[in-house]
């Protein structure tokens, strides 16, 4: 039977407990299981990829289509007397990155402002935010894009790039506002009471107490919203913005390389969204290690 004295000796290292080796064994088993799971997942993915490749090959062969992948690189980089220069696909990618970057900053700002309006004590502010949310979330993005470009653009005197960014920012900001609002409300009320007891103002409470805790909750769903922004940005091609999707349509109209062009563009979009996901996971791991470090530093 384990007595308090023997427990103290174990904690002090004077006595070896055979059960102390179990965590290391458990970690080893978990590590081997993870590696087996990774290899099985990789094998399944390769098997699925081979199946899809075979299906595409047989399908295009039945259609009499001949793959011409060797023609795609010149649409990414073109060589001329001055050396290499961006091709249509790379130019479209740069436009897409610009649209996504500006829209990402704007939709985060719009989402946070709308969430604060929803949480405001002012009835007018809550109703303004509610009307905005109901309009944006209950109408299609394509209709909003057309409305901004064909109705608001002539009135406000903005170009098509700004119209596309504005429509995307308003649409994604409506969904981001609910993420921010839920994250802020997830902070316990005791944190607000403690801030009030310390004499912090409402702004200082939000900045130093609420926002740092809400950020950990908001980061994963916000990553999904950023991925949705990248995919939704393809709709700006409908108002003749020469982004990645529009450049693909132009290439297909000129060369009839339908399968090769859309496959290349799909891979580029996939790389963009996966990069965002991996960046978010790295930030979450860093945030978690920072929080654990703070916990360990407590007396």
Protein backbone atom coordinates (compact mmCIF):
# COMPACT_ATOMS: atom_id res chain seq x y z
CA UNK A 1 0.00 0.00 0.00
CA UNK A 2 1.28 3.42 -0.95
CA UNK A 3 1.81 5.56 2.15
CA UNK A 4 2.29 9.34 2.17
CA UNK A 5 5.96 8.84 3.09
CA UNK A 6 6.60 6.54 0.15
CA UNK A 7 4.78 8.95 -2.16
CA UNK A 8 7.09 11.74 -1.03
CA UNK A 9 10.11 9.51 -1.63
CA UNK A 10 8.91 8.75 -5.14
CA UNK A 11 8.40 12.43 -5.89
CA UNK A 12 11.87 13.19 -4.53
CA UNK A 13 13.46 10.49 -6.65
CA UNK A 14 14.54 8.27 -3.70
CA UNK A 15 12.42 5.37 -4.89
CA UNK A 16 11.70 4.14 -8.37
CA UNK A 17 8.14 3.43 -9.30
CA UNK A 18 7.71 0.75 -12.01
CA UNK A 19 4.57 2.56 -13.17
CA UNK A 20 6.65 5.60 -14.07
CA UNK A 21 7.80 3.88 -17.25
CA UNK A 22 4.24 3.57 -18.54
CA UNK A 23 3.95 7.10 -19.97
CA UNK A 24 7.07 6.58 -22.10
CA UNK A 25 5.73 3.24 -23.35
CA UNK A 26 2.38 4.83 -24.06
CA UNK A 27 4.03 7.63 -26.00
CA UNK A 28 6.01 5.10 -28.00
CA UNK A 29 2.87 3.15 -28.88
CA UNK A 30 1.03 6.32 -29.79
CA UNK A 31 3.93 7.41 -31.97
CA UNK A 32 4.00 4.09 -33.82
CA UNK A 33 0.22 4.22 -34.28
CA UNK A 34 0.47 7.71 -35.70
CA UNK A 35 3.14 6.66 -38.17
CA UNK A 36 1.07 3.65 -39.24
CA UNK A 37 -1.93 5.94 -39.66
CA UNK A 38 0.14 8.36 -41.77
CA UNK A 39 1.39 5.57 -44.03
CA UNK A 40 -2.11 4.13 -44.41
CA UNK A 41 -3.54 7.55 -45.22
CA UNK A 42 -0.77 8.18 -47.73
CA UNK A 43 -1.34 4.80 -49.36
CA UNK A 44 -5.07 5.41 -49.54
CA UNK A 45 -4.50 8.87 -51.04
CA UNK A 46 -2.12 7.50 -53.68
CA UNK A 47 -4.58 4.74 -54.48
CA UNK A 48 -7.38 7.26 -54.87
CA UNK A 49 -5.15 9.49 -57.00
CA UNK A 50 -4.27 6.57 -59.27
CA UNK A 51 -7.94 5.69 -59.60
CA UNK A 52 -8.89 9.25 -60.51
CA UNK A 53 -6.01 9.44 -63.01
CA UNK A 54 -7.12 6.20 -64.63
CA UNK A 55 -10.70 7.43 -64.77
CA UNK A 56 -9.67 10.72 -66.39
CA UNK A 57 -7.38 8.95 -68.86
CA UNK A 58 -10.03 6.46 -69.97
CA UNK A 59 -12.71 9.16 -70.11
CA UNK A 60 -10.66 11.54 -72.25
CA UNK A 61 -9.55 8.65 -74.47
CA UNK A 62 -13.19 7.81 -75.12
CA UNK A 63 -13.78 11.46 -76.05
CA UNK A 64 -10.80 11.39 -78.40
CA UNK A 65 -9.01 14.08 -76.39
CA UNK A 66 -5.22 14.25 -76.53
CA UNK A 67 -3.39 15.66 -73.53
CA UNK A 68 -1.07 18.56 -74.31
CA UNK A 69 0.56 19.36 -70.99
CA UNK A 70 3.71 20.58 -72.74
CA UNK A 71 1.82 23.73 -73.80
CA UNK A 72 0.89 24.78 -70.26
CA UNK A 73 4.30 26.03 -68.97
CA UNK A 74 4.40 28.90 -71.47
CA UNK A 75 1.17 30.25 -69.98
CA UNK A 76 2.87 30.38 -66.58
CA UNK A 77 6.23 31.82 -67.64
CA UNK A 78 7.01 33.10 -71.12
CA UNK A 79 10.49 33.55 -72.53
CA UNK A 80 11.38 36.44 -74.80
CA UNK A 81 14.27 38.69 -75.79
CA UNK A 82 14.27 40.21 -72.30
CA UNK A 83 14.27 36.82 -70.57
CA UNK A 84 11.45 35.23 -68.57
CA UNK A 85 8.26 37.17 -67.96
CA UNK A 86 4.98 36.24 -66.23
CA UNK A 87 2.49 34.39 -68.37
CA UNK A 88 -1.30 34.82 -68.24
CA UNK A 89 -1.75 32.29 -65.42
CA UNK A 90 0.89 33.95 -63.22
CA UNK A 91 -0.54 37.41 -63.96
CA UNK A 92 -3.99 36.17 -62.99
CA UNK A 93 -2.58 34.63 -59.82
CA UNK A 94 -1.05 37.98 -58.83
CA UNK A 95 -4.42 39.70 -59.31
CA UNK A 96 -6.13 37.00 -57.23
CA UNK A 97 -3.55 37.39 -54.45
CA UNK A 98 -4.11 41.17 -54.44
CA UNK A 99 -7.89 40.75 -54.24
CA UNK A 100 -7.66 38.16 -51.48
CA UNK A 101 -5.11 40.16 -49.46
CA UNK A 102 -7.09 43.41 -49.49
CA UNK A 103 -10.41 41.64 -48.94
CA UNK A 104 -8.98 39.66 -46.03
CA UNK A 105 -7.98 42.80 -44.15
CA UNK A 106 -11.30 44.49 -44.89
CA UNK A 107 -13.55 41.57 -44.02
CA UNK A 108 -11.77 41.08 -40.69
CA UNK A 109 -12.25 44.76 -39.89
CA UNK A 110 -15.89 44.70 -41.00
CA UNK A 111 -16.55 41.50 -39.07
CA UNK A 112 -15.03 42.83 -35.86
CA UNK A 113 -16.87 46.16 -36.14
CA UNK A 114 -20.18 44.40 -36.79
CA UNK A 115 -19.64 42.06 -33.84
CA UNK A 116 -18.98 45.01 -31.54
CA UNK A 117 -22.14 46.70 -32.83
CA UNK A 118 -24.12 43.54 -32.10
CA UNK A 119 -22.74 43.53 -28.55
CA UNK A 120 -23.26 47.25 -28.06
CA UNK A 121 -25.69 48.68 -25.53
CA UNK A 122 -27.11 50.94 -28.26
CA UNK A 123 -30.36 49.66 -29.79
CA UNK A 124 -29.67 51.58 -33.02
CA UNK A 125 -26.21 50.02 -33.39
CA UNK A 126 -27.60 46.52 -32.84
CA UNK A 127 -30.34 47.08 -35.42
CA UNK A 128 -27.91 48.47 -38.02
CA UNK A 129 -25.69 45.41 -37.61
CA UNK A 130 -28.69 43.07 -37.71
CA UNK A 131 -30.06 44.58 -40.94
CA UNK A 132 -26.63 44.32 -42.58
CA UNK A 133 -26.28 40.67 -41.54
CA UNK A 134 -29.75 39.69 -42.70
CA UNK A 135 -29.31 41.30 -46.11
CA UNK A 136 -25.86 39.88 -46.77
CA UNK A 137 -26.42 36.38 -45.42
CA UNK A 138 -29.74 35.87 -47.19
CA UNK A 139 -28.75 36.95 -50.71
CA UNK A 140 -26.30 35.20 -53.09
CA UNK A 141 -22.76 36.53 -53.39
CA UNK A 142 -23.06 36.71 -57.18
CA UNK A 143 -26.10 39.01 -56.92
CA UNK A 144 -24.27 41.20 -54.40
CA UNK A 145 -21.29 41.38 -56.75
CA UNK A 146 -23.51 42.48 -59.65
CA UNK A 147 -25.31 45.00 -57.43
CA UNK A 148 -22.06 46.60 -56.28
CA UNK A 149 -20.60 46.70 -59.80
CA UNK A 150 -23.64 47.73 -61.85
CA UNK A 151 -25.50 49.87 -59.26
CA UNK A 152 -23.09 51.24 -56.67
CA UNK A 153 -20.00 51.48 -58.87
CA UNK A 154 -21.39 54.20 -61.22
CA UNK A 155 -22.76 56.14 -58.22
CA UNK A 156 -19.57 55.94 -56.14
CA UNK A 157 -17.21 56.18 -59.11
CA UNK A 158 -15.18 53.08 -58.23
CA UNK A 159 -13.47 50.68 -60.64
CA UNK A 160 -14.17 46.99 -61.06
CA UNK A 161 -11.27 45.90 -58.84
CA UNK A 162 -12.60 47.97 -55.94
CA UNK A 163 -16.12 46.71 -56.64
CA UNK A 164 -14.99 43.10 -56.42
CA UNK A 165 -13.04 43.71 -53.22
CA UNK A 166 -15.96 45.57 -51.64
CA UNK A 167 -18.48 42.84 -52.48
CA UNK A 168 -16.22 40.07 -51.17
CA UNK A 169 -15.38 42.00 -47.99
CA UNK A 170 -19.02 42.73 -47.17
CA UNK A 171 -20.03 39.11 -47.81
CA UNK A 172 -17.25 37.44 -45.83
CA UNK A 173 -17.42 40.11 -43.10
CA UNK A 174 -21.02 39.14 -42.32
CA UNK A 175 -19.97 35.58 -41.50
CA UNK A 176 -16.79 36.67 -39.71
CA UNK A 177 -18.86 38.93 -37.43
CA UNK A 178 -20.69 35.93 -35.98
CA UNK A 179 -17.36 34.20 -35.39
CA UNK A 180 -16.03 37.25 -33.54
CA UNK A 181 -19.24 37.67 -31.56
CA UNK A 182 -19.30 34.04 -30.44
CA UNK A 183 -15.59 34.21 -29.52
CA UNK A 184 -16.05 37.36 -27.46
CA UNK A 185 -19.06 35.90 -25.66
CA UNK A 186 -17.06 32.75 -24.88
CA UNK A 187 -14.85 34.75 -22.49
CA UNK A 188 -16.20 34.17 -18.96
CA UNK A 189 -18.09 37.01 -17.31
CA UNK A 190 -15.69 36.77 -14.38
CA UNK A 191 -12.96 38.17 -16.63
CA UNK A 192 -15.06 41.29 -17.23
CA UNK A 193 -15.74 41.61 -13.50
CA UNK A 194 -12.04 41.32 -12.74
CA UNK A 195 -11.25 44.03 -15.30
CA UNK A 196 -13.90 46.29 -13.78
CA UNK A 197 -12.41 45.68 -10.34
CA UNK A 198 -9.02 46.78 -11.65
CA UNK A 199 -10.53 49.99 -12.98
CA UNK A 200 -10.05 49.21 -16.68
CA UNK A 201 -12.20 51.03 -19.19
CA UNK A 202 -14.38 49.15 -21.69
CA UNK A 203 -11.80 49.65 -24.44
CA UNK A 204 -8.94 48.50 -22.22
CA UNK A 205 -10.97 45.47 -21.13
CA UNK A 206 -11.55 44.47 -24.74
CA UNK A 207 -7.95 45.09 -25.75
CA UNK A 208 -6.07 43.51 -22.86
CA UNK A 209 -8.50 40.94 -21.46
CA UNK A 210 -11.18 39.89 -23.94
CA UNK A 211 -9.49 39.97 -27.35
CA UNK A 212 -6.42 37.85 -26.44
CA UNK A 213 -8.67 35.10 -25.07
CA UNK A 214 -11.21 35.36 -27.89
CA UNK A 215 -8.48 35.12 -30.53
CA UNK A 216 -7.71 31.52 -29.58
CA UNK A 217 -11.35 30.58 -30.09
CA UNK A 218 -11.79 32.60 -33.30
CA UNK A 219 -8.67 31.48 -35.17
CA UNK A 220 -9.83 28.05 -36.43
CA UNK A 221 -13.21 29.20 -37.85
CA UNK A 222 -11.63 32.36 -39.25
CA UNK A 223 -9.19 30.16 -41.16
CA UNK A 224 -12.15 28.42 -42.77
CA UNK A 225 -13.59 31.81 -43.68
CA UNK A 226 -10.29 32.86 -45.27
CA UNK A 227 -10.27 29.66 -47.31
CA UNK A 228 -13.84 30.43 -48.40
CA UNK A 229 -12.66 33.91 -49.44
CA UNK A 230 -9.99 32.43 -51.71
CA UNK A 231 -12.56 30.20 -53.39
CA UNK A 232 -15.23 32.90 -53.62
CA UNK A 233 -12.75 35.28 -55.23
CA UNK A 234 -13.12 33.31 -58.46
CA UNK A 235 -16.53 34.99 -58.93
CA UNK A 236 -14.92 38.36 -59.66
CA UNK A 237 -14.20 36.99 -63.14
CA UNK A 238 -17.90 37.60 -63.88
CA UNK A 239 -17.27 41.36 -63.88
CA UNK A 240 -14.27 41.04 -66.22
CA UNK A 241 -11.51 41.20 -63.62
CA UNK A 242 -8.60 39.28 -65.08
CA UNK A 243 -7.90 37.10 -62.10
CA UNK A 244 -6.78 33.48 -62.19
CA UNK A 245 -10.17 32.14 -63.26
CA UNK A 246 -10.68 34.76 -65.98
CA UNK A 247 -7.22 34.13 -67.40
CA UNK A 248 -8.07 30.43 -67.53
CA UNK A 249 -11.21 31.18 -69.53
CA UNK A 250 -9.21 33.30 -71.98
CA UNK A 251 -6.60 30.56 -72.44
CA UNK A 252 -9.30 27.95 -73.07
CA UNK A 253 -11.04 30.21 -75.60
CA UNK A 254 -7.77 30.59 -77.51
CA UNK A 255 -6.30 27.08 -77.25
CA UNK A 256 -9.17 24.70 -76.30
CA UNK A 257 -6.90 23.20 -73.61
CA UNK A 258 -9.86 22.65 -71.28
CA UNK A 259 -8.63 19.79 -69.12
CA UNK A 260 -5.05 20.98 -68.75
CA UNK A 261 -5.95 24.59 -67.99
CA UNK A 262 -8.64 23.91 -65.40
CA UNK A 263 -6.52 21.21 -63.76
CA UNK A 264 -3.61 23.64 -63.42
CA UNK A 265 -5.81 26.40 -62.02
CA UNK A 266 -7.48 23.99 -59.57
CA UNK A 267 -4.05 22.92 -58.26
CA UNK A 268 -3.04 26.58 -57.79
CA UNK A 269 -6.20 27.29 -55.78
CA UNK A 270 -5.58 24.14 -53.75
CA UNK A 271 -2.04 25.24 -52.93
CA UNK A 272 -3.32 28.66 -51.80
CA UNK A 273 -5.99 27.23 -49.50
CA UNK A 274 -3.69 24.56 -48.05
CA UNK A 275 -1.05 27.23 -47.35
CA UNK A 276 -3.59 29.22 -45.36
CA UNK A 277 -4.60 26.12 -43.41
CA UNK A 278 -0.99 25.18 -42.60
CA UNK A 279 -0.23 28.75 -41.54
CA UNK A 280 -3.22 28.73 -39.22
CA UNK A 281 -2.17 25.42 -37.67
CA UNK A 282 1.34 26.78 -37.09
CA UNK A 283 -0.10 29.86 -35.40
CA UNK A 284 -2.36 27.73 -33.20
CA UNK A 285 0.56 25.50 -32.16
CA UNK A 286 2.65 28.55 -31.32
CA UNK A 287 -0.22 30.07 -29.38
CA UNK A 288 -0.74 26.83 -27.48
CA UNK A 289 2.94 26.51 -26.59
CA UNK A 290 2.96 30.15 -25.45
CA UNK A 291 -0.10 29.51 -23.25
CA UNK A 292 1.51 26.38 -21.80
CA UNK A 293 4.66 28.37 -21.09
CA UNK A 294 2.63 30.91 -19.16
CA UNK A 295 0.96 28.14 -17.20
CA UNK A 296 4.32 26.62 -16.34
CA UNK A 297 5.67 30.01 -15.22
CA UNK A 298 2.91 30.44 -12.66
CA UNK A 299 4.00 29.82 -9.04
